[in-house]
N, C-alpha and C. Protein backbone atom coordinates (compact mmCIF):
# COMPACT_ATOMS: atom_id res chain seq x y z
N MET A 1 49.21 21.37 156.60
CA MET A 1 50.01 22.42 155.95
C MET A 1 49.08 23.26 155.09
N THR A 2 49.26 24.59 155.20
CA THR A 2 48.40 25.49 154.43
C THR A 2 48.90 25.60 153.00
N GLN A 3 48.00 26.18 152.17
CA GLN A 3 48.35 26.35 150.75
C GLN A 3 49.54 27.27 150.60
N GLU A 4 49.61 28.30 151.46
CA GLU A 4 50.72 29.26 151.38
C GLU A 4 52.05 28.59 151.72
N SER A 5 52.07 27.81 152.80
CA SER A 5 53.33 27.14 153.18
C SER A 5 53.73 26.11 152.15
N THR A 6 52.76 25.50 151.50
CA THR A 6 53.08 24.51 150.45
C THR A 6 53.77 25.19 149.29
N ARG A 7 53.24 26.37 148.89
CA ARG A 7 53.87 27.08 147.76
C ARG A 7 55.29 27.50 148.12
N GLU A 8 55.49 27.97 149.37
CA GLU A 8 56.84 28.39 149.76
C GLU A 8 57.80 27.20 149.82
N ALA A 9 57.32 26.06 150.27
CA ALA A 9 58.17 24.86 150.32
C ALA A 9 58.57 24.43 148.93
N LEU A 10 57.61 24.49 147.99
CA LEU A 10 57.93 24.13 146.60
C LEU A 10 58.92 25.11 146.00
N ALA A 11 58.78 26.38 146.35
CA ALA A 11 59.72 27.37 145.83
C ALA A 11 61.13 27.11 146.34
N ARG A 12 61.26 26.78 147.63
CA ARG A 12 62.60 26.49 148.17
C ARG A 12 63.19 25.25 147.51
N ALA A 13 62.34 24.24 147.30
CA ALA A 13 62.85 23.01 146.67
C ALA A 13 63.33 23.28 145.26
N ALA A 14 62.57 24.13 144.53
CA ALA A 14 62.98 24.47 143.17
C ALA A 14 64.29 25.24 143.18
N ALA A 15 64.46 26.12 144.18
CA ALA A 15 65.70 26.90 144.26
C ALA A 15 66.90 26.00 144.53
N ARG A 16 66.73 25.02 145.42
CA ARG A 16 67.84 24.11 145.71
C ARG A 16 68.18 23.26 144.48
N ALA A 17 67.13 22.83 143.75
CA ALA A 17 67.39 22.01 142.55
C ALA A 17 68.12 22.82 141.51
N TYR A 18 67.73 24.08 141.35
CA TYR A 18 68.39 24.95 140.37
C TYR A 18 69.85 25.18 140.76
N GLU A 19 70.12 25.38 142.06
CA GLU A 19 71.49 25.63 142.53
C GLU A 19 72.37 24.40 142.35
N ALA A 20 71.76 23.22 142.56
CA ALA A 20 72.53 21.99 142.39
C ALA A 20 72.87 21.76 140.93
N ALA A 21 71.97 22.15 140.04
CA ALA A 21 72.20 21.90 138.61
C ALA A 21 73.11 22.92 137.99
N HIS A 22 73.03 24.16 138.41
CA HIS A 22 73.78 25.23 137.76
C HIS A 22 74.93 25.75 138.60
N GLY A 23 75.03 25.37 139.81
CA GLY A 23 76.14 25.79 140.65
C GLY A 23 75.98 27.17 141.23
N ASN A 24 74.91 27.79 140.99
CA ASN A 24 74.64 29.12 141.58
C ASN A 24 73.16 29.19 141.95
N PRO A 25 72.85 30.01 142.94
CA PRO A 25 71.44 30.07 143.42
C PRO A 25 70.51 30.70 142.38
N LEU A 26 69.24 30.37 142.50
CA LEU A 26 68.20 30.94 141.63
C LEU A 26 68.08 32.44 141.90
N PRO A 27 68.06 33.29 140.82
CA PRO A 27 67.92 34.75 141.05
C PRO A 27 66.72 35.05 141.93
N GLU A 28 66.91 36.04 142.79
CA GLU A 28 65.86 36.37 143.78
C GLU A 28 64.53 36.76 143.15
N PRO A 29 64.51 37.55 142.06
CA PRO A 29 63.20 37.93 141.48
C PRO A 29 62.41 36.73 141.02
N ALA A 30 63.15 35.75 140.42
CA ALA A 30 62.45 34.57 139.90
C ALA A 30 61.88 33.74 141.03
N ARG A 31 62.60 33.73 142.19
CA ARG A 31 62.15 32.92 143.31
C ARG A 31 60.85 33.50 143.91
N GLY A 32 60.67 34.81 143.83
CA GLY A 32 59.48 35.42 144.44
C GLY A 32 58.34 35.63 143.47
N LEU A 33 58.53 35.17 142.19
CA LEU A 33 57.52 35.41 141.16
C LEU A 33 56.30 34.53 141.39
N ARG A 34 55.13 35.12 141.44
CA ARG A 34 53.89 34.37 141.59
C ARG A 34 52.91 34.83 140.51
N TRP A 35 52.28 33.85 139.85
CA TRP A 35 51.35 34.17 138.75
C TRP A 35 49.89 34.07 139.18
N SER A 36 49.70 33.43 140.31
CA SER A 36 48.31 33.26 140.74
C SER A 36 47.87 34.45 141.59
N ILE A 37 46.54 34.73 141.56
CA ILE A 37 45.96 35.81 142.35
C ILE A 37 45.39 35.22 143.63
N ARG A 38 45.79 35.80 144.73
CA ARG A 38 45.31 35.29 146.01
C ARG A 38 43.81 35.53 146.15
N PRO A 39 43.07 34.65 146.81
CA PRO A 39 41.62 34.80 147.01
C PRO A 39 41.25 36.10 147.70
N ARG A 40 42.04 36.49 148.71
CA ARG A 40 41.73 37.72 149.41
C ARG A 40 41.86 38.94 148.49
N ALA A 41 42.90 38.92 147.62
CA ALA A 41 43.09 40.03 146.68
C ALA A 41 41.94 40.09 145.69
N ALA A 42 41.49 38.91 145.21
CA ALA A 42 40.38 38.88 144.27
C ALA A 42 39.10 39.43 144.91
N ALA A 43 38.87 39.06 146.17
CA ALA A 43 37.68 39.54 146.86
C ALA A 43 37.73 41.05 147.06
N THR A 44 38.93 41.55 147.40
CA THR A 44 39.09 42.99 147.59
C THR A 44 38.83 43.75 146.30
N ALA A 45 39.36 43.21 145.18
CA ALA A 45 39.15 43.86 143.89
C ALA A 45 37.67 43.89 143.52
N ALA A 46 36.97 42.80 143.81
CA ALA A 46 35.54 42.75 143.50
C ALA A 46 34.77 43.79 144.30
N VAL A 47 35.14 43.95 145.58
CA VAL A 47 34.47 44.95 146.41
C VAL A 47 34.72 46.36 145.89
N VAL A 48 35.97 46.63 145.49
CA VAL A 48 36.32 47.95 144.96
C VAL A 48 35.52 48.25 143.70
N ILE A 49 35.43 47.24 142.80
CA ILE A 49 34.67 47.43 141.55
C ILE A 49 33.20 47.71 141.84
N ALA A 50 32.64 46.95 142.80
CA ALA A 50 31.23 47.14 143.15
C ALA A 50 30.98 48.54 143.69
N ILE A 51 31.94 49.05 144.51
CA ILE A 51 31.80 50.39 145.07
C ILE A 51 31.84 51.44 143.96
N LEU A 52 32.78 51.24 143.00
CA LEU A 52 32.88 52.19 141.89
C LEU A 52 31.61 52.21 141.05
N VAL A 53 31.04 51.03 140.78
CA VAL A 53 29.81 50.96 139.98
C VAL A 53 28.66 51.64 140.71
N ALA A 54 28.54 51.37 142.03
CA ALA A 54 27.47 51.99 142.81
C ALA A 54 27.62 53.51 142.84
N PHE A 55 28.85 53.98 142.97
CA PHE A 55 29.09 55.42 142.98
C PHE A 55 28.69 56.06 141.65
N ALA A 56 29.03 55.36 140.54
CA ALA A 56 28.67 55.89 139.21
C ALA A 56 27.16 55.97 139.04
N VAL A 57 26.44 54.95 139.51
CA VAL A 57 24.97 54.95 139.39
C VAL A 57 24.36 56.08 140.20
N LEU A 58 24.85 56.26 141.45
CA LEU A 58 24.32 57.32 142.30
C LEU A 58 24.63 58.70 141.73
N ALA A 59 25.82 58.86 141.18
CA ALA A 59 26.20 60.15 140.60
C ALA A 59 25.33 60.48 139.40
N ASP A 60 25.00 59.45 138.59
CA ASP A 60 24.15 59.68 137.42
C ASP A 60 22.74 60.05 137.84
N ALA A 61 22.24 59.40 138.91
CA ALA A 61 20.88 59.69 139.37
C ALA A 61 20.79 61.09 139.97
N ALA A 62 21.87 61.55 140.59
CA ALA A 62 21.85 62.87 141.23
C ALA A 62 22.11 64.01 140.26
N SER A 63 22.61 63.70 139.05
CA SER A 63 22.93 64.75 138.10
C SER A 63 21.66 65.41 137.61
N PRO A 64 21.63 66.75 137.49
CA PRO A 64 20.41 67.46 137.04
C PRO A 64 20.11 67.17 135.59
N ARG A 65 18.85 67.05 135.28
CA ARG A 65 18.40 66.82 133.90
C ARG A 65 17.58 68.01 133.43
N ALA A 66 17.62 68.23 132.15
CA ALA A 66 16.86 69.34 131.58
C ALA A 66 15.38 69.09 131.75
N ALA A 67 14.69 70.07 132.29
CA ALA A 67 13.25 69.91 132.52
C ALA A 67 12.51 69.93 131.19
N VAL A 68 11.58 69.01 131.03
CA VAL A 68 10.77 68.95 129.82
C VAL A 68 9.59 69.87 129.99
N PRO A 69 9.46 70.90 129.16
CA PRO A 69 8.35 71.85 129.33
C PRO A 69 7.02 71.18 129.07
N LEU A 70 6.06 71.46 129.95
CA LEU A 70 4.72 70.91 129.78
C LEU A 70 3.94 71.77 128.81
N ALA A 71 3.19 71.10 127.96
CA ALA A 71 2.38 71.83 126.98
C ALA A 71 1.24 72.56 127.69
N THR A 72 1.16 73.84 127.44
CA THR A 72 0.08 74.63 128.03
C THR A 72 -0.72 75.26 126.92
N PRO A 73 -2.02 75.31 127.08
CA PRO A 73 -2.85 75.89 126.02
C PRO A 73 -2.53 77.36 125.82
N SER A 74 -2.43 77.74 124.55
CA SER A 74 -2.16 79.13 124.24
C SER A 74 -3.37 79.99 124.56
N LEU A 75 -3.06 81.22 124.95
CA LEU A 75 -4.16 82.14 125.22
C LEU A 75 -4.96 82.41 123.96
N LEU A 76 -4.26 82.26 122.79
CA LEU A 76 -4.97 82.49 121.54
C LEU A 76 -5.96 81.39 121.26
N ASP A 77 -5.76 80.19 121.86
CA ASP A 77 -6.67 79.08 121.63
C ASP A 77 -7.86 79.10 122.58
N ALA A 78 -7.79 79.96 123.59
CA ALA A 78 -8.88 79.98 124.56
C ALA A 78 -10.14 80.51 123.91
N PRO A 79 -11.28 79.97 124.28
CA PRO A 79 -12.53 80.46 123.68
C PRO A 79 -12.79 81.90 124.05
N SER A 80 -13.31 82.64 123.10
CA SER A 80 -13.61 84.05 123.34
C SER A 80 -14.74 84.19 124.34
N LEU A 81 -14.59 85.14 125.24
CA LEU A 81 -15.61 85.39 126.24
C LEU A 81 -16.63 86.41 125.76
N GLY A 82 -16.42 86.86 124.54
CA GLY A 82 -17.37 87.81 123.98
C GLY A 82 -17.07 89.23 124.43
N GLY A 83 -17.75 90.16 123.84
CA GLY A 83 -17.53 91.55 124.19
C GLY A 83 -18.62 92.40 123.59
N PRO A 84 -18.46 93.72 123.72
CA PRO A 84 -19.47 94.62 123.20
C PRO A 84 -19.71 94.44 121.71
N GLY A 85 -18.66 94.04 120.95
CA GLY A 85 -18.81 93.88 119.51
C GLY A 85 -19.72 92.73 119.12
N ASP A 86 -20.04 91.85 120.06
CA ASP A 86 -20.90 90.71 119.76
C ASP A 86 -22.38 91.07 119.83
N ARG A 87 -22.72 92.23 120.32
CA ARG A 87 -24.13 92.61 120.46
C ARG A 87 -24.73 92.96 119.10
N VAL A 88 -26.03 92.83 118.99
CA VAL A 88 -26.72 93.12 117.74
C VAL A 88 -27.55 94.39 117.90
N THR A 89 -27.69 95.11 116.82
CA THR A 89 -28.44 96.37 116.82
C THR A 89 -29.68 96.22 115.96
N VAL A 90 -30.82 96.61 116.51
CA VAL A 90 -32.09 96.53 115.77
C VAL A 90 -32.80 97.88 115.86
N HIS A 91 -33.66 98.12 114.87
CA HIS A 91 -34.45 99.35 114.84
C HIS A 91 -35.91 98.98 115.10
N VAL A 92 -36.40 99.36 116.25
CA VAL A 92 -37.76 99.01 116.65
C VAL A 92 -38.68 100.21 116.37
N VAL A 93 -39.72 99.97 115.56
CA VAL A 93 -40.67 101.04 115.21
C VAL A 93 -42.09 100.51 115.34
N GLY A 94 -43.05 101.39 115.18
CA GLY A 94 -44.44 100.97 115.23
C GLY A 94 -45.07 101.26 116.58
N ALA A 95 -45.94 100.36 116.99
CA ALA A 95 -46.74 100.57 118.21
C ALA A 95 -45.97 100.17 119.46
N VAL A 96 -44.85 100.89 119.72
CA VAL A 96 -44.07 100.67 120.93
C VAL A 96 -43.91 102.01 121.65
N ALA A 97 -43.57 101.95 122.93
CA ALA A 97 -43.49 103.17 123.74
C ALA A 97 -42.36 104.09 123.30
N SER A 98 -41.19 103.54 122.99
CA SER A 98 -40.02 104.36 122.63
C SER A 98 -39.33 103.78 121.40
N PRO A 99 -39.82 104.07 120.21
CA PRO A 99 -39.17 103.57 119.00
C PRO A 99 -37.73 104.08 118.92
N GLY A 100 -36.86 103.28 118.30
CA GLY A 100 -35.48 103.70 118.13
C GLY A 100 -34.54 102.52 117.94
N LEU A 101 -33.24 102.84 118.00
CA LEU A 101 -32.20 101.82 117.85
C LEU A 101 -31.86 101.24 119.21
N TYR A 102 -31.71 99.92 119.24
CA TYR A 102 -31.39 99.25 120.51
C TYR A 102 -30.37 98.15 120.28
N GLU A 103 -29.45 98.04 121.24
CA GLU A 103 -28.46 96.96 121.21
C GLU A 103 -28.95 95.83 122.11
N LEU A 104 -28.90 94.62 121.58
CA LEU A 104 -29.37 93.45 122.31
C LEU A 104 -28.28 92.39 122.35
N ASP A 105 -28.41 91.48 123.29
CA ASP A 105 -27.46 90.37 123.38
C ASP A 105 -27.68 89.39 122.24
N PRO A 106 -26.62 88.70 121.81
CA PRO A 106 -26.79 87.67 120.78
C PRO A 106 -27.83 86.64 121.22
N GLY A 107 -28.69 86.25 120.30
CA GLY A 107 -29.73 85.28 120.63
C GLY A 107 -31.00 85.92 121.15
N ALA A 108 -31.03 87.25 121.19
CA ALA A 108 -32.24 87.94 121.67
C ALA A 108 -33.40 87.70 120.72
N ARG A 109 -34.61 87.78 121.25
CA ARG A 109 -35.83 87.54 120.48
C ARG A 109 -36.54 88.87 120.17
N ILE A 110 -37.54 88.77 119.27
CA ILE A 110 -38.34 89.96 118.97
C ILE A 110 -38.97 90.51 120.24
N ALA A 111 -39.38 89.62 121.14
CA ALA A 111 -39.97 90.06 122.41
C ALA A 111 -38.98 90.92 123.20
N ASP A 112 -37.68 90.56 123.15
CA ASP A 112 -36.66 91.36 123.85
C ASP A 112 -36.53 92.74 123.22
N ALA A 113 -36.65 92.80 121.88
CA ALA A 113 -36.57 94.08 121.19
C ALA A 113 -37.74 94.98 121.56
N VAL A 114 -38.95 94.40 121.62
CA VAL A 114 -40.13 95.17 121.99
C VAL A 114 -40.00 95.67 123.43
N LYS A 115 -39.49 94.82 124.31
CA LYS A 115 -39.31 95.21 125.71
C LYS A 115 -38.28 96.32 125.84
N ALA A 116 -37.19 96.23 125.05
CA ALA A 116 -36.15 97.27 125.09
C ALA A 116 -36.71 98.61 124.64
N ALA A 117 -37.70 98.58 123.76
CA ALA A 117 -38.31 99.82 123.26
C ALA A 117 -39.42 100.32 124.17
N GLY A 118 -39.46 99.83 125.38
CA GLY A 118 -40.45 100.31 126.34
C GLY A 118 -41.73 99.52 126.38
N GLY A 119 -41.80 98.47 125.58
CA GLY A 119 -43.01 97.65 125.57
C GLY A 119 -44.00 98.10 124.51
N ALA A 120 -44.96 97.25 124.24
CA ALA A 120 -45.96 97.55 123.22
C ALA A 120 -47.02 98.50 123.75
N GLN A 121 -47.57 99.30 122.84
CA GLN A 121 -48.66 100.20 123.20
C GLN A 121 -49.98 99.42 123.27
N ASP A 122 -50.99 100.08 123.78
CA ASP A 122 -52.27 99.41 123.98
C ASP A 122 -52.89 98.93 122.67
N ASP A 123 -52.65 99.66 121.58
CA ASP A 123 -53.26 99.28 120.30
C ASP A 123 -52.35 98.42 119.44
N ALA A 124 -51.26 97.91 120.03
CA ALA A 124 -50.34 97.06 119.26
C ALA A 124 -50.98 95.70 118.99
N ASP A 125 -50.77 95.21 117.79
CA ASP A 125 -51.30 93.89 117.42
C ASP A 125 -50.16 92.87 117.56
N LEU A 126 -49.89 92.44 118.79
CA LEU A 126 -48.78 91.52 119.05
C LEU A 126 -49.04 90.14 118.47
N ALA A 127 -50.30 89.82 118.20
CA ALA A 127 -50.61 88.52 117.60
C ALA A 127 -50.08 88.44 116.17
N ALA A 128 -49.82 89.58 115.57
CA ALA A 128 -49.32 89.61 114.20
C ALA A 128 -47.80 89.58 114.14
N VAL A 129 -47.16 89.52 115.31
CA VAL A 129 -45.70 89.54 115.38
C VAL A 129 -45.20 88.24 115.99
N ASN A 130 -44.17 87.67 115.38
CA ASN A 130 -43.56 86.45 115.94
C ASN A 130 -42.58 86.86 117.03
N LEU A 131 -43.08 86.96 118.24
CA LEU A 131 -42.25 87.43 119.35
C LEU A 131 -41.13 86.46 119.72
N ALA A 132 -41.25 85.21 119.29
CA ALA A 132 -40.25 84.20 119.65
C ALA A 132 -39.09 84.14 118.67
N ARG A 133 -39.19 84.84 117.54
CA ARG A 133 -38.12 84.75 116.53
C ARG A 133 -36.87 85.47 117.00
N GLU A 134 -35.72 84.91 116.66
CA GLU A 134 -34.44 85.53 117.01
C GLU A 134 -34.17 86.71 116.10
N VAL A 135 -33.73 87.80 116.67
CA VAL A 135 -33.47 89.00 115.88
C VAL A 135 -32.18 88.84 115.09
N VAL A 136 -32.08 89.63 114.02
CA VAL A 136 -30.90 89.64 113.17
C VAL A 136 -30.28 91.03 113.23
N ASP A 137 -28.97 91.08 113.34
CA ASP A 137 -28.29 92.37 113.44
C ASP A 137 -28.63 93.26 112.24
N GLY A 138 -29.05 94.47 112.52
CA GLY A 138 -29.35 95.44 111.47
C GLY A 138 -30.78 95.43 110.97
N GLU A 139 -31.62 94.57 111.50
CA GLU A 139 -33.00 94.51 111.00
C GLU A 139 -33.88 95.56 111.65
N GLN A 140 -35.00 95.80 110.98
CA GLN A 140 -36.02 96.70 111.52
C GLN A 140 -37.20 95.87 112.00
N VAL A 141 -37.55 96.05 113.25
CA VAL A 141 -38.68 95.33 113.84
C VAL A 141 -39.87 96.29 113.89
N VAL A 142 -40.90 95.95 113.15
CA VAL A 142 -42.10 96.79 113.09
C VAL A 142 -43.22 96.11 113.86
N VAL A 143 -43.73 96.78 114.86
CA VAL A 143 -44.88 96.27 115.62
C VAL A 143 -46.13 96.95 115.07
N PRO A 144 -46.97 96.22 114.35
CA PRO A 144 -48.14 96.86 113.74
C PRO A 144 -49.23 97.16 114.76
N ARG A 145 -50.09 98.07 114.39
CA ARG A 145 -51.25 98.35 115.22
C ARG A 145 -52.40 97.46 114.77
N VAL A 146 -53.40 97.38 115.58
CA VAL A 146 -54.55 96.55 115.25
C VAL A 146 -55.12 97.01 113.91
N GLY A 147 -55.32 96.05 113.02
CA GLY A 147 -55.82 96.36 111.68
C GLY A 147 -54.71 96.48 110.66
N GLU A 148 -53.44 96.47 111.10
CA GLU A 148 -52.30 96.54 110.18
C GLU A 148 -51.59 95.19 110.15
N ALA A 149 -52.33 94.14 109.91
CA ALA A 149 -51.75 92.80 109.94
C ALA A 149 -50.63 92.68 108.92
N PRO A 150 -49.47 92.20 109.35
CA PRO A 150 -48.35 92.04 108.42
C PRO A 150 -48.57 90.87 107.48
N ALA A 151 -47.87 90.89 106.38
CA ALA A 151 -47.95 89.77 105.43
C ALA A 151 -47.31 88.54 106.04
N ALA A 152 -47.66 87.40 105.51
CA ALA A 152 -47.09 86.14 106.01
C ALA A 152 -45.59 86.16 105.87
N GLY A 153 -44.91 85.74 106.93
CA GLY A 153 -43.45 85.68 106.89
C GLY A 153 -42.79 86.99 107.23
N ALA A 154 -43.55 87.99 107.52
CA ALA A 154 -42.96 89.29 107.81
C ALA A 154 -42.32 89.29 109.18
N ALA A 155 -41.26 90.13 109.33
CA ALA A 155 -40.59 90.25 110.62
C ALA A 155 -41.21 91.38 111.41
N GLY A 156 -42.49 91.23 111.74
CA GLY A 156 -43.17 92.27 112.51
C GLY A 156 -43.47 93.48 111.65
N SER A 157 -43.69 93.30 110.36
CA SER A 157 -44.00 94.41 109.47
C SER A 157 -44.87 93.89 108.34
N GLY A 158 -45.23 94.77 107.41
CA GLY A 158 -46.02 94.35 106.26
C GLY A 158 -45.16 93.79 105.16
N ARG A 159 -43.89 93.55 105.42
CA ARG A 159 -42.98 93.03 104.41
C ARG A 159 -42.60 91.59 104.70
N VAL A 160 -42.13 90.90 103.70
CA VAL A 160 -41.74 89.49 103.84
C VAL A 160 -40.35 89.41 104.47
N GLY A 161 -40.25 88.65 105.52
CA GLY A 161 -38.95 88.49 106.19
C GLY A 161 -38.09 87.46 105.49
N LEU A 162 -36.99 87.90 104.90
CA LEU A 162 -36.13 86.98 104.14
C LEU A 162 -35.56 85.87 105.01
N ASN A 163 -35.36 86.14 106.29
CA ASN A 163 -34.74 85.14 107.16
C ASN A 163 -35.75 84.26 107.89
N GLY A 164 -37.04 84.50 107.65
CA GLY A 164 -38.04 83.69 108.33
C GLY A 164 -39.10 83.12 107.42
N ALA A 165 -39.19 83.63 106.20
CA ALA A 165 -40.24 83.20 105.28
C ALA A 165 -39.94 81.83 104.71
N SER A 166 -41.01 81.09 104.47
CA SER A 166 -40.87 79.79 103.81
C SER A 166 -40.77 80.01 102.30
N ALA A 167 -40.50 78.93 101.57
CA ALA A 167 -40.41 79.03 100.11
C ALA A 167 -41.73 79.51 99.52
N ALA A 168 -42.84 79.00 100.07
CA ALA A 168 -44.15 79.41 99.56
C ALA A 168 -44.40 80.89 99.80
N GLU A 169 -43.95 81.40 100.94
CA GLU A 169 -44.13 82.81 101.26
C GLU A 169 -43.24 83.69 100.39
N LEU A 170 -42.06 83.21 100.07
CA LEU A 170 -41.16 83.98 99.20
C LEU A 170 -41.71 84.08 97.79
N GLU A 171 -42.51 83.10 97.39
CA GLU A 171 -43.09 83.12 96.04
C GLU A 171 -44.08 84.26 95.86
N SER A 172 -44.54 84.84 96.96
CA SER A 172 -45.48 85.96 96.85
C SER A 172 -44.79 87.22 96.35
N LEU A 173 -43.47 87.22 96.35
CA LEU A 173 -42.71 88.38 95.89
C LEU A 173 -42.61 88.37 94.36
N PRO A 174 -42.65 89.54 93.74
CA PRO A 174 -42.55 89.60 92.27
C PRO A 174 -41.18 89.14 91.79
N GLY A 175 -41.17 88.30 90.78
CA GLY A 175 -39.93 87.81 90.21
C GLY A 175 -39.36 86.59 90.91
N ILE A 176 -40.01 86.11 91.98
CA ILE A 176 -39.54 84.95 92.72
C ILE A 176 -40.50 83.78 92.46
N GLY A 177 -40.02 82.80 91.69
CA GLY A 177 -40.81 81.62 91.42
C GLY A 177 -40.46 80.50 92.37
N PRO A 178 -41.06 79.31 92.18
CA PRO A 178 -40.81 78.18 93.08
C PRO A 178 -39.34 77.78 93.15
N VAL A 179 -38.67 77.73 92.00
CA VAL A 179 -37.27 77.30 91.98
C VAL A 179 -36.39 78.31 92.71
N LEU A 180 -36.56 79.58 92.41
CA LEU A 180 -35.74 80.62 93.04
C LEU A 180 -36.04 80.73 94.53
N ALA A 181 -37.30 80.57 94.90
CA ALA A 181 -37.66 80.61 96.32
C ALA A 181 -36.97 79.49 97.09
N GLU A 182 -36.92 78.30 96.49
CA GLU A 182 -36.25 77.16 97.14
C GLU A 182 -34.75 77.41 97.25
N ARG A 183 -34.17 78.04 96.24
CA ARG A 183 -32.74 78.36 96.30
C ARG A 183 -32.45 79.33 97.45
N ILE A 184 -33.34 80.30 97.64
CA ILE A 184 -33.15 81.28 98.72
C ILE A 184 -33.19 80.58 100.08
N VAL A 185 -34.14 79.68 100.26
CA VAL A 185 -34.24 78.96 101.53
C VAL A 185 -33.01 78.10 101.76
N GLN A 186 -32.56 77.38 100.72
CA GLN A 186 -31.38 76.52 100.86
C GLN A 186 -30.13 77.34 101.16
N ASP A 187 -29.97 78.47 100.49
CA ASP A 187 -28.80 79.32 100.75
C ASP A 187 -28.83 79.85 102.18
N ARG A 188 -30.00 80.21 102.66
CA ARG A 188 -30.14 80.71 104.02
C ARG A 188 -29.77 79.65 105.05
N GLU A 189 -30.16 78.41 104.79
CA GLU A 189 -29.85 77.31 105.71
C GLU A 189 -28.37 76.95 105.66
N ARG A 190 -27.76 77.09 104.49
CA ARG A 190 -26.37 76.69 104.33
C ARG A 190 -25.39 77.78 104.78
N ASN A 191 -25.69 79.04 104.47
CA ASN A 191 -24.75 80.13 104.72
C ASN A 191 -25.16 81.07 105.85
N GLY A 192 -26.30 80.82 106.45
CA GLY A 192 -26.73 81.68 107.54
C GLY A 192 -27.66 82.78 107.06
N PRO A 193 -28.17 83.59 107.97
CA PRO A 193 -29.17 84.61 107.62
C PRO A 193 -28.58 85.70 106.73
N PHE A 194 -29.47 86.32 105.96
CA PHE A 194 -29.08 87.45 105.13
C PHE A 194 -28.93 88.69 106.02
N ARG A 195 -27.87 89.44 105.80
CA ARG A 195 -27.62 90.64 106.60
C ARG A 195 -28.19 91.90 105.94
N SER A 196 -28.42 91.82 104.66
CA SER A 196 -28.99 92.95 103.92
C SER A 196 -29.69 92.40 102.69
N VAL A 197 -30.49 93.26 102.05
CA VAL A 197 -31.18 92.83 100.83
C VAL A 197 -30.16 92.48 99.75
N GLU A 198 -29.03 93.19 99.74
CA GLU A 198 -28.00 92.92 98.73
C GLU A 198 -27.43 91.52 98.85
N ASP A 199 -27.51 90.92 100.04
CA ASP A 199 -27.00 89.56 100.22
C ASP A 199 -27.73 88.55 99.35
N LEU A 200 -28.93 88.91 98.89
CA LEU A 200 -29.68 87.99 98.03
C LEU A 200 -28.96 87.71 96.72
N THR A 201 -28.06 88.60 96.32
CA THR A 201 -27.35 88.39 95.06
C THR A 201 -26.41 87.20 95.10
N ARG A 202 -26.16 86.66 96.30
CA ARG A 202 -25.33 85.46 96.38
C ARG A 202 -26.11 84.22 95.95
N VAL A 203 -27.42 84.36 95.81
CA VAL A 203 -28.26 83.24 95.36
C VAL A 203 -28.31 83.25 93.84
N PRO A 204 -27.93 82.15 93.19
CA PRO A 204 -27.99 82.10 91.73
C PRO A 204 -29.41 82.39 91.23
N GLY A 205 -29.52 83.33 90.30
CA GLY A 205 -30.83 83.68 89.75
C GLY A 205 -31.36 85.00 90.25
N VAL A 206 -30.78 85.52 91.34
CA VAL A 206 -31.21 86.83 91.86
C VAL A 206 -30.24 87.88 91.34
N GLY A 207 -30.70 88.65 90.36
CA GLY A 207 -29.88 89.69 89.78
C GLY A 207 -30.36 91.06 90.19
N PRO A 208 -29.73 92.11 89.64
CA PRO A 208 -30.12 93.49 89.99
C PRO A 208 -31.58 93.79 89.72
N ALA A 209 -32.12 93.24 88.64
CA ALA A 209 -33.51 93.54 88.29
C ALA A 209 -34.47 92.99 89.34
N VAL A 210 -34.26 91.72 89.74
CA VAL A 210 -35.11 91.12 90.77
C VAL A 210 -34.95 91.86 92.09
N LEU A 211 -33.72 92.22 92.40
CA LEU A 211 -33.45 92.90 93.67
C LEU A 211 -34.21 94.21 93.77
N GLU A 212 -34.25 94.97 92.70
CA GLU A 212 -34.94 96.25 92.73
C GLU A 212 -36.46 96.08 92.86
N ARG A 213 -36.98 95.00 92.32
CA ARG A 213 -38.43 94.77 92.37
C ARG A 213 -38.89 94.41 93.79
N ILE A 214 -38.01 93.75 94.55
CA ILE A 214 -38.45 93.26 95.86
C ILE A 214 -37.86 94.07 97.02
N ARG A 215 -36.98 95.02 96.73
CA ARG A 215 -36.26 95.73 97.79
C ARG A 215 -37.21 96.32 98.84
N ASP A 216 -38.28 96.96 98.40
CA ASP A 216 -39.18 97.62 99.34
C ASP A 216 -40.26 96.69 99.90
N LEU A 217 -40.18 95.41 99.52
CA LEU A 217 -41.20 94.46 99.96
C LEU A 217 -40.67 93.44 100.95
N VAL A 218 -39.38 93.54 101.25
CA VAL A 218 -38.77 92.54 102.14
C VAL A 218 -38.09 93.22 103.31
N THR A 219 -37.83 92.44 104.32
CA THR A 219 -37.06 92.89 105.47
C THR A 219 -36.23 91.72 105.96
N MET A 220 -35.29 92.00 106.85
CA MET A 220 -34.43 90.94 107.35
C MET A 220 -35.14 90.16 108.44
């Protein structure tokens, strides 16, 4: 006998017992009332729930999400490629073929300045010029003739080069002692080359009086 037929047999027996005791049959709704869940119904419900869960997962995966913008370097952060404003201007004079103003690339040397001016003349004393030194924007490059040897530290002239002279060479200038000469060298190393004679005033101890005494004796 199956479980289903057993339950129905018990229900009929209960109905007969109720009718014998009360004289009337058991109400029909009570006779058909079942509190247990059939195995097949439970399995069906489980399958339905699983389908609903799977559908919800797939729907969530297919739903569009806001795209996260990727960080891109700003054009303002890109390194400068340089331009015409980066070039330096020098004044080449002395024993050169074409004295004048010339624009050179950053990092150019005295040799580049002499070449831009058409090259040195036959009587130029190139041994007295530091052709390997880097030029400074706004400086005057003087190529002396034989017999016009420049002073020590000069930038191709008879004057002391503020951006190339050592402390000992700076001491040859009037009003510049050992302490002040060392300050000039240290300031030059810390803040970069001097762009004009007036830039010397940024060095403690160099005032208007000292500046006037050395103005015609120095070059950049």
